[in-house]
Amino acid sequence: MQNAESSAVLVAGWHRMGYRYINNNQSLMSKELENQIRKLHGMVGNAVTSGKYILFGAGSTQLLNAAVHALSLHHNASSPPTPVLASIPFYTLYKQQTDVFGSSNFKFEGDASLWMNNSDSNNTNLIEFVTSPNNPDGKLNKAVLQGPNAKAIYDRVYYWPHFTAIPASADEDIMLFSISKLTGHAGARFGWAVIKDETIYQRMTMYIGVNTMGVPREAQLRALKLINVVLQGRGREIFEFGYKTLSNRWENLSQTLSVSTRFSLQKIGDQYCRFFHKVRKPSPAYAWLRCEREEDKDCYAVLKAANIIGRRGGVFGAEDRYVRLSLLRSQDDFDLLLHRLNQLVLEEDKIKTMPIM
């Protein structure tokens, strides 16, 4: 209740009516919010911000294409579009957004691993989306494409102590974060990029300015209030609560499916976390479930028949033998998911013990 009150925002009708912050060199961004974001990353230890630029966006969603735009501007009009790639399974928005905003400068070309031994990759500029932790399987991915022509956009929105161990401070050239995965306030539509190169920062800034004239002042104010609450007590309350909840859910789900031969989960091991100063158990946001039976090629249909709704593997560029299940729902929703999965597992035992006629 105390945090509910301290994170409340009341905005007067006259507050911040203009486009820019007069007291911040006519910027579209709140300097105080930028400072608190830097303080937050320093406290958590999940990203290096010193000597880098911070840019706000309408969630990390807007920043994804701003980064693609910025990295493809050197594109030669006489050559093919710059390939935009991601390792399977990948967040579906990478393809959808790149296709929707597609131009002569870039084009989504699918699985990054297919370009690792491609002779054209040595002479072609490449843009790779790297989600770490990955959506949907929670793995701490790294870029698979290397070399002077390969540029990576690191989607770090899940790189917080409630979703994953923090083994080190991320220090990539472009890193994206969002308030929706930090505090759960997805409707606030606020994200930020941490950018190393000034030219890329200026190109992305131009994109955001032309696209939406920055992020709404109300969203920035709400994000500031929320981050200030997280900083109180050095983030222990929100991160410990989130980690305890998700790690318990993962453990319960793993135990339920451990006796199944029909279903399996992704493998995630224990790892040392520099925020909690200990080796911690997995606490992923999603379960990446696989149907193991040869006949269960449409795992989504198998689960839907048991009144379990997930997202098809094909949405993430993978086989439909996979389904993503969210562990971020209410406790009642999770308990119901566990109950229905347990029923499916029990049915396996019934089939095994049925007498042969």
Protein backbone atom coordinates (compact mmCIF):
# COMPACT_ATOMS: atom_id res chain seq x y z
CA MET A 1 0.00 0.00 0.00
CA GLN A 2 2.89 2.34 0.78
CA ASN A 3 4.38 1.83 -2.69
CA ALA A 4 0.97 2.19 -4.30
CA GLU A 5 0.71 5.67 -2.82
CA SER A 6 4.32 6.71 -3.47
CA SER A 7 4.09 5.72 -7.14
CA ALA A 8 0.83 7.59 -7.74
CA VAL A 9 0.86 10.42 -10.28
CA LEU A 10 -1.50 13.41 -10.36
CA VAL A 11 -1.02 15.62 -13.42
CA ALA A 12 -2.39 19.16 -13.50
CA GLY A 13 -4.00 20.32 -16.73
CA TRP A 14 -1.30 22.94 -17.30
CA HIS A 15 1.65 20.62 -16.65
CA ARG A 16 4.18 20.23 -19.51
CA MET A 17 1.90 21.46 -22.27
CA GLY A 18 4.75 22.11 -24.71
CA TYR A 19 6.78 19.68 -26.80
CA ARG A 20 10.10 20.29 -25.09
CA TYR A 21 11.70 20.64 -21.66
CA ILE A 22 12.70 24.29 -21.42
CA ASN A 23 15.10 23.61 -18.54
CA ASN A 24 16.91 20.85 -20.48
CA ASN A 25 18.18 22.62 -23.60
CA GLN A 26 14.81 22.25 -25.35
CA SER A 27 15.16 18.45 -25.20
CA LEU A 28 12.24 16.06 -25.70
CA MET A 29 13.49 14.07 -22.71
CA SER A 30 13.44 14.64 -18.96
CA LYS A 31 17.00 14.99 -17.67
CA GLU A 32 15.93 13.92 -14.18
CA LEU A 33 14.47 10.70 -15.59
CA GLU A 34 17.64 10.03 -17.57
CA ASN A 35 19.71 10.47 -14.40
CA GLN A 36 17.49 8.08 -12.45
CA ILE A 37 17.73 5.46 -15.21
CA ARG A 38 21.52 5.65 -15.02
CA LYS A 39 21.32 5.34 -11.23
CA LEU A 40 19.01 2.32 -11.57
CA HIS A 41 21.39 0.44 -13.87
CA GLY A 42 24.29 1.25 -11.58
CA MET A 43 22.41 -0.09 -8.57
CA VAL A 44 21.27 -3.31 -10.28
CA GLY A 45 24.56 -3.80 -12.11
CA ASN A 46 22.88 -5.01 -15.31
CA ALA A 47 24.16 -2.43 -17.81
CA VAL A 48 27.02 -0.01 -18.31
CA THR A 49 25.72 3.52 -18.98
CA SER A 50 28.82 5.60 -18.27
CA GLY A 51 30.01 7.41 -21.38
CA LYS A 52 26.90 6.33 -23.30
CA TYR A 53 23.77 8.06 -24.53
CA ILE A 54 20.23 7.44 -23.29
CA LEU A 55 17.24 7.75 -25.63
CA PHE A 56 13.56 7.38 -24.71
CA GLY A 57 10.95 5.64 -26.87
CA ALA A 58 7.31 4.56 -26.82
CA GLY A 59 8.22 1.27 -25.19
CA SER A 60 11.19 -0.68 -26.53
CA THR A 61 8.95 -1.34 -29.56
CA GLN A 62 9.57 2.06 -31.13
CA LEU A 63 13.28 1.86 -30.37
CA LEU A 64 13.65 -1.46 -32.21
CA ASN A 65 12.91 0.06 -35.58
CA ALA A 66 14.69 3.30 -34.70
CA ALA A 67 17.85 1.20 -34.27
CA VAL A 68 17.30 -0.70 -37.53
CA HIS A 69 16.78 2.61 -39.30
CA ALA A 70 19.95 4.08 -37.79
CA LEU A 71 22.14 1.07 -38.60
CA SER A 72 20.94 0.83 -42.20
CA LEU A 73 21.34 4.49 -43.20
CA HIS A 74 24.79 3.85 -44.69
CA HIS A 75 23.07 1.48 -47.13
CA ASN A 76 24.07 1.87 -50.79
CA ALA A 77 20.99 2.43 -52.97
CA SER A 78 22.46 0.29 -55.74
CA SER A 79 22.89 -2.76 -53.46
CA PRO A 80 20.28 -5.12 -51.94
CA PRO A 81 18.56 -4.10 -48.66
CA THR A 82 20.51 -4.69 -45.45
CA PRO A 83 19.50 -8.11 -44.03
CA VAL A 84 17.85 -7.96 -40.59
CA LEU A 85 18.27 -11.26 -38.73
CA ALA A 86 17.54 -13.03 -35.45
CA SER A 87 18.28 -16.48 -34.01
CA ILE A 88 15.35 -18.92 -33.80
CA PRO A 89 13.30 -18.81 -31.64
CA PHE A 90 12.95 -15.04 -31.84
CA TYR A 91 10.46 -12.41 -30.67
CA THR A 92 7.86 -12.17 -33.43
CA LEU A 93 7.76 -8.37 -33.43
CA TYR A 94 11.25 -8.24 -35.01
CA LYS A 95 9.88 -9.66 -38.25
CA GLN A 96 6.48 -7.99 -38.09
CA GLN A 97 7.85 -4.52 -37.46
CA THR A 98 10.69 -4.78 -39.97
CA ASP A 99 8.18 -5.91 -42.62
CA VAL A 100 5.66 -3.16 -41.78
CA PHE A 101 8.27 -0.38 -41.77
CA GLY A 102 10.30 -2.00 -44.52
CA SER A 103 12.11 0.23 -46.98
CA SER A 104 14.75 -0.09 -49.66
CA ASN A 105 17.33 0.09 -46.86
CA PHE A 106 16.52 -3.10 -44.92
CA LYS A 107 14.62 -6.38 -45.09
CA PHE A 108 13.97 -9.17 -42.59
CA GLU A 109 15.81 -12.30 -43.72
CA GLY A 110 15.11 -14.74 -40.88
CA ASP A 111 17.53 -16.99 -38.97
CA ALA A 112 20.89 -15.40 -38.17
CA SER A 113 22.65 -18.78 -37.91
CA LEU A 114 22.10 -19.40 -41.63
CA TRP A 115 24.41 -16.47 -42.36
CA MET A 116 27.29 -17.63 -40.19
CA ASN A 117 28.99 -19.52 -43.02
CA ASN A 118 27.51 -17.47 -45.82
CA SER A 119 30.25 -16.10 -48.07
CA ASP A 120 28.13 -13.00 -48.77
CA SER A 121 28.15 -12.10 -45.06
CA ASN A 122 31.79 -11.01 -45.28
CA ASN A 123 30.92 -8.29 -47.78
CA THR A 124 27.36 -7.47 -46.66
CA ASN A 125 26.22 -5.21 -43.84
CA LEU A 126 24.11 -7.24 -41.40
CA ILE A 127 21.81 -6.25 -38.53
CA GLU A 128 21.13 -8.88 -35.85
CA PHE A 129 18.50 -8.72 -33.13
CA VAL A 130 19.81 -10.43 -29.97
CA THR A 131 17.30 -11.00 -27.17
CA SER A 132 19.00 -11.67 -23.86
CA PRO A 133 17.30 -13.17 -21.91
CA ASN A 134 15.49 -14.56 -24.91
CA ASN A 135 11.77 -14.39 -25.51
CA PRO A 136 10.51 -17.17 -25.52
CA ASP A 137 13.09 -19.51 -23.93
CA GLY A 138 14.88 -17.27 -21.39
CA LYS A 139 18.41 -18.02 -22.59
CA LEU A 140 21.15 -15.40 -22.25
CA ASN A 141 21.86 -15.16 -25.96
CA LYS A 142 24.86 -13.57 -27.62
CA ALA A 143 25.29 -12.36 -31.17
CA VAL A 144 26.13 -15.21 -33.55
CA LEU A 145 27.37 -12.92 -36.33
CA GLN A 146 30.79 -11.35 -35.93
CA GLY A 147 33.00 -9.07 -37.99
CA PRO A 148 33.14 -5.40 -39.00
CA ASN A 149 29.94 -5.61 -41.09
CA ALA A 150 27.79 -7.23 -38.38
CA LYS A 151 25.84 -4.89 -36.09
CA ALA A 152 23.84 -6.15 -33.11
CA ILE A 153 20.79 -4.66 -31.40
CA TYR A 154 20.57 -6.17 -27.91
CA ASP A 155 17.01 -6.43 -26.61
CA ARG A 156 17.66 -6.48 -22.85
CA VAL A 157 14.12 -5.86 -21.62
CA TYR A 158 14.13 -9.05 -19.49
CA TYR A 159 17.64 -8.47 -18.08
CA TRP A 160 16.44 -7.73 -14.54
CA PRO A 161 16.95 -9.78 -11.34
CA HIS A 162 13.36 -11.07 -11.18
CA PHE A 163 13.69 -12.78 -14.59
CA THR A 164 17.32 -13.90 -14.70
CA ALA A 165 20.63 -14.00 -12.91
CA ILE A 166 22.75 -10.91 -13.59
CA PRO A 167 26.22 -12.43 -14.14
CA ALA A 168 27.76 -9.18 -15.44
CA SER A 169 26.94 -5.65 -16.57
CA ALA A 170 25.87 -5.72 -20.21
CA ASP A 171 28.09 -3.46 -22.30
CA GLU A 172 26.89 -3.75 -25.89
CA ASP A 173 26.76 -0.88 -28.40
CA ILE A 174 22.94 -0.74 -28.48
CA MET A 175 20.84 -2.04 -25.57
CA LEU A 176 17.08 -1.68 -25.15
CA PHE A 177 15.03 -1.73 -21.93
CA SER A 178 11.41 -0.98 -20.98
CA ILE A 179 9.31 -0.09 -17.97
CA SER A 180 6.84 -2.86 -18.84
CA LYS A 181 9.32 -5.61 -17.95
CA LEU A 182 10.88 -3.70 -15.05
CA THR A 183 7.68 -2.90 -13.12
CA GLY A 184 4.92 -4.48 -15.25
CA HIS A 185 3.44 -1.17 -16.42
CA ALA A 186 3.14 -2.13 -20.09
CA GLY A 187 0.40 0.43 -20.74
CA ALA A 188 2.74 3.30 -19.87
CA ARG A 189 4.53 2.66 -23.20
CA PHE A 190 7.95 3.78 -22.04
CA GLY A 191 11.31 2.33 -22.98
CA TRP A 192 14.88 3.49 -23.34
CA ALA A 193 17.98 2.70 -25.34
CA VAL A 194 21.57 2.81 -24.09
CA ILE A 195 23.73 3.73 -27.08
CA LYS A 196 27.52 3.88 -27.41
CA ASP A 197 28.04 5.61 -30.76
CA GLU A 198 27.08 9.28 -31.09
CA THR A 199 26.19 9.02 -34.78
CA ILE A 200 23.81 6.12 -34.13
CA TYR A 201 22.32 8.05 -31.21
CA GLN A 202 21.70 11.10 -33.40
CA ARG A 203 20.08 8.99 -36.13
CA MET A 204 17.80 7.26 -33.62
CA THR A 205 16.95 10.61 -32.01
CA MET A 206 15.97 11.97 -35.41
CA TYR A 207 13.76 8.92 -36.03
CA ILE A 208 11.93 9.31 -32.69
CA GLY A 209 11.53 13.05 -33.23
CA VAL A 210 10.05 12.67 -36.71
CA ASN A 211 7.95 9.64 -35.74
CA THR A 212 6.25 10.90 -32.55
CA MET A 213 8.00 14.09 -31.41
CA GLY A 214 9.35 12.14 -28.45
CA VAL A 215 7.59 10.29 -25.64
CA PRO A 216 4.53 11.85 -23.94
CA ARG A 217 5.40 13.91 -20.85
CA GLU A 218 2.82 11.95 -18.83
CA ALA A 219 4.59 8.67 -19.66
CA GLN A 220 7.93 10.15 -18.64
CA LEU A 221 6.51 11.44 -15.38
CA ARG A 222 4.96 8.07 -14.55
CA ALA A 223 8.18 6.25 -15.42
CA LEU A 224 10.11 8.62 -13.15
CA LYS A 225 7.78 7.94 -10.23
CA LEU A 226 7.95 4.17 -10.77
CA ILE A 227 11.74 4.10 -11.04
CA ASN A 228 12.05 6.23 -7.91
CA VAL A 229 9.97 3.63 -6.04
CA VAL A 230 12.22 0.83 -7.35
CA LEU A 231 15.28 2.75 -6.17
CA GLN A 232 13.84 2.97 -2.65
CA GLY A 233 15.41 0.19 -0.62
CA ARG A 234 17.79 -0.44 -3.55
CA GLY A 235 15.18 -2.42 -5.45
CA ARG A 236 15.08 -5.29 -2.99
CA GLU A 237 11.30 -5.37 -2.55
CA ILE A 238 10.29 -5.63 -6.20
CA PHE A 239 13.14 -7.89 -7.32
CA GLU A 240 12.93 -10.28 -4.38
CA PHE A 241 9.15 -10.55 -4.74
CA GLY A 242 9.39 -11.10 -8.50
CA TYR A 243 12.21 -13.63 -8.21
CA LYS A 244 10.50 -15.61 -5.44
CA THR A 245 7.21 -15.73 -7.36
CA LEU A 246 8.69 -16.74 -10.72
CA SER A 247 11.25 -19.20 -9.35
CA ASN A 248 8.49 -20.97 -7.39
CA ARG A 249 6.32 -21.13 -10.48
CA TRP A 250 9.19 -22.51 -12.56
CA GLU A 251 9.98 -25.12 -9.93
CA ASN A 252 6.34 -26.23 -9.69
CA LEU A 253 5.98 -26.38 -13.46
CA SER A 254 9.24 -28.31 -13.83
CA GLN A 255 8.18 -30.83 -11.19
CA THR A 256 4.81 -31.34 -12.87
CA LEU A 257 6.38 -32.06 -16.26
CA SER A 258 9.42 -33.98 -14.96
CA VAL A 259 7.45 -37.25 -14.99
CA SER A 260 6.05 -36.63 -18.47
CA THR A 261 7.35 -38.29 -21.61
CA ARG A 262 4.94 -36.30 -23.77
CA PHE A 263 6.05 -32.78 -22.81
CA SER A 264 9.41 -31.18 -22.04
CA LEU A 265 10.71 -27.73 -21.05
CA GLN A 266 13.76 -25.69 -21.97
CA LYS A 267 16.85 -26.30 -19.83
CA ILE A 268 17.95 -23.38 -17.66
CA GLY A 269 20.58 -23.89 -14.98
CA ASP A 270 21.35 -22.17 -11.68
CA GLN A 271 23.70 -19.20 -12.02
CA TYR A 272 25.52 -16.67 -9.88
CA CYS A 273 23.77 -13.28 -9.71
CA ARG A 274 25.76 -10.18 -8.85
CA PHE A 275 22.61 -8.38 -7.65
CA PHE A 276 21.60 -11.03 -5.10
CA HIS A 277 25.25 -11.99 -4.43
CA LYS A 278 24.48 -15.69 -4.63
CA VAL A 279 23.83 -18.57 -6.98
CA ARG A 280 20.15 -18.40 -7.81
CA LYS A 281 17.59 -20.69 -9.39
CA PRO A 282 15.92 -20.02 -12.75
CA SER A 283 12.93 -17.66 -12.85
CA PRO A 284 12.04 -17.20 -16.53
CA ALA A 285 9.10 -15.18 -17.76
CA TYR A 286 7.99 -17.97 -20.09
CA ALA A 287 7.98 -21.72 -20.42
CA TRP A 288 9.06 -22.97 -23.86
CA LEU A 289 7.19 -26.25 -23.95
CA ARG A 290 7.79 -28.97 -26.54
CA CYS A 291 5.43 -31.80 -27.51
CA GLU A 292 7.63 -34.88 -27.82
CA ARG A 293 5.26 -37.36 -29.44
CA GLU A 294 5.73 -37.80 -33.17
CA GLU A 295 2.00 -37.34 -33.80
CA ASP A 296 1.84 -34.09 -31.75
CA LYS A 297 3.19 -31.84 -34.48
CA ASP A 298 0.67 -29.11 -33.56
CA CYS A 299 1.42 -28.64 -29.88
CA TYR A 300 -0.83 -25.59 -29.69
CA ALA A 301 -3.83 -27.73 -30.70
CA VAL A 302 -2.87 -30.41 -28.16
CA LEU A 303 -2.84 -27.88 -25.34
CA LYS A 304 -5.91 -26.00 -26.53
CA ALA A 305 -7.89 -29.25 -26.40
CA ALA A 306 -7.05 -29.27 -22.68
CA ASN A 307 -8.12 -25.60 -22.34
CA ILE A 308 -4.54 -24.35 -22.17
CA ILE A 309 -3.75 -21.30 -24.30
CA GLY A 310 -0.22 -20.39 -25.31
CA ARG A 311 1.51 -19.00 -28.41
CA ARG A 312 2.45 -21.24 -31.31
CA GLY A 313 6.11 -22.00 -31.94
CA GLY A 314 5.69 -20.84 -35.53
CA VAL A 315 5.08 -17.32 -34.25
CA PHE A 316 8.70 -17.35 -33.04
CA GLY A 317 10.10 -18.84 -36.24
CA ALA A 318 10.28 -22.32 -34.67
CA GLU A 319 8.38 -25.55 -35.26
CA ASP A 320 4.74 -25.75 -34.15
CA ARG A 321 5.89 -28.62 -31.93
CA TYR A 322 6.69 -25.79 -29.49
CA VAL A 323 4.37 -23.52 -27.51
CA ARG A 324 5.19 -20.53 -25.29
CA LEU A 325 3.36 -20.45 -21.97
CA SER A 326 3.40 -17.25 -19.92
CA LEU A 327 4.39 -17.41 -16.25
CA LEU A 328 3.53 -13.73 -15.77
CA ARG A 329 -0.20 -14.14 -15.22
CA SER A 330 -2.06 -13.86 -11.91
CA GLN A 331 -1.55 -16.58 -9.31
CA ASP A 332 -5.05 -17.94 -10.01
CA ASP A 333 -4.24 -18.21 -13.72
CA PHE A 334 -0.97 -19.99 -13.02
CA ASP A 335 -2.61 -22.42 -10.58
CA LEU A 336 -5.20 -23.26 -13.24
CA LEU A 337 -2.46 -23.77 -15.85
CA LEU A 338 -0.61 -26.11 -13.50
CA HIS A 339 -3.81 -28.03 -12.74
CA ARG A 340 -4.62 -28.59 -16.41
CA LEU A 341 -1.06 -29.60 -17.27
CA ASN A 342 -1.12 -32.04 -14.38
CA GLN A 343 -4.30 -33.56 -15.81
CA LEU A 344 -2.55 -34.09 -19.15
CA VAL A 345 0.38 -35.78 -17.42
CA LEU A 346 -1.96 -38.03 -15.42
CA GLU A 347 -3.63 -39.09 -18.66
CA GLU A 348 -0.24 -40.40 -19.82
CA ASP A 349 -0.16 -42.75 -16.83
CA LYS A 350 -3.68 -43.94 -17.57
CA ILE A 351 -2.70 -44.80 -21.13
CA LYS A 352 0.42 -46.63 -19.96
CA THR A 353 -1.55 -48.74 -17.45
CA MET A 354 -4.47 -49.59 -19.74
CA PRO A 355 -4.74 -53.36 -20.26
CA ILE A 356 -4.00 -54.64 -23.75
CA MET A 357 -7.11 -56.30 -25.19
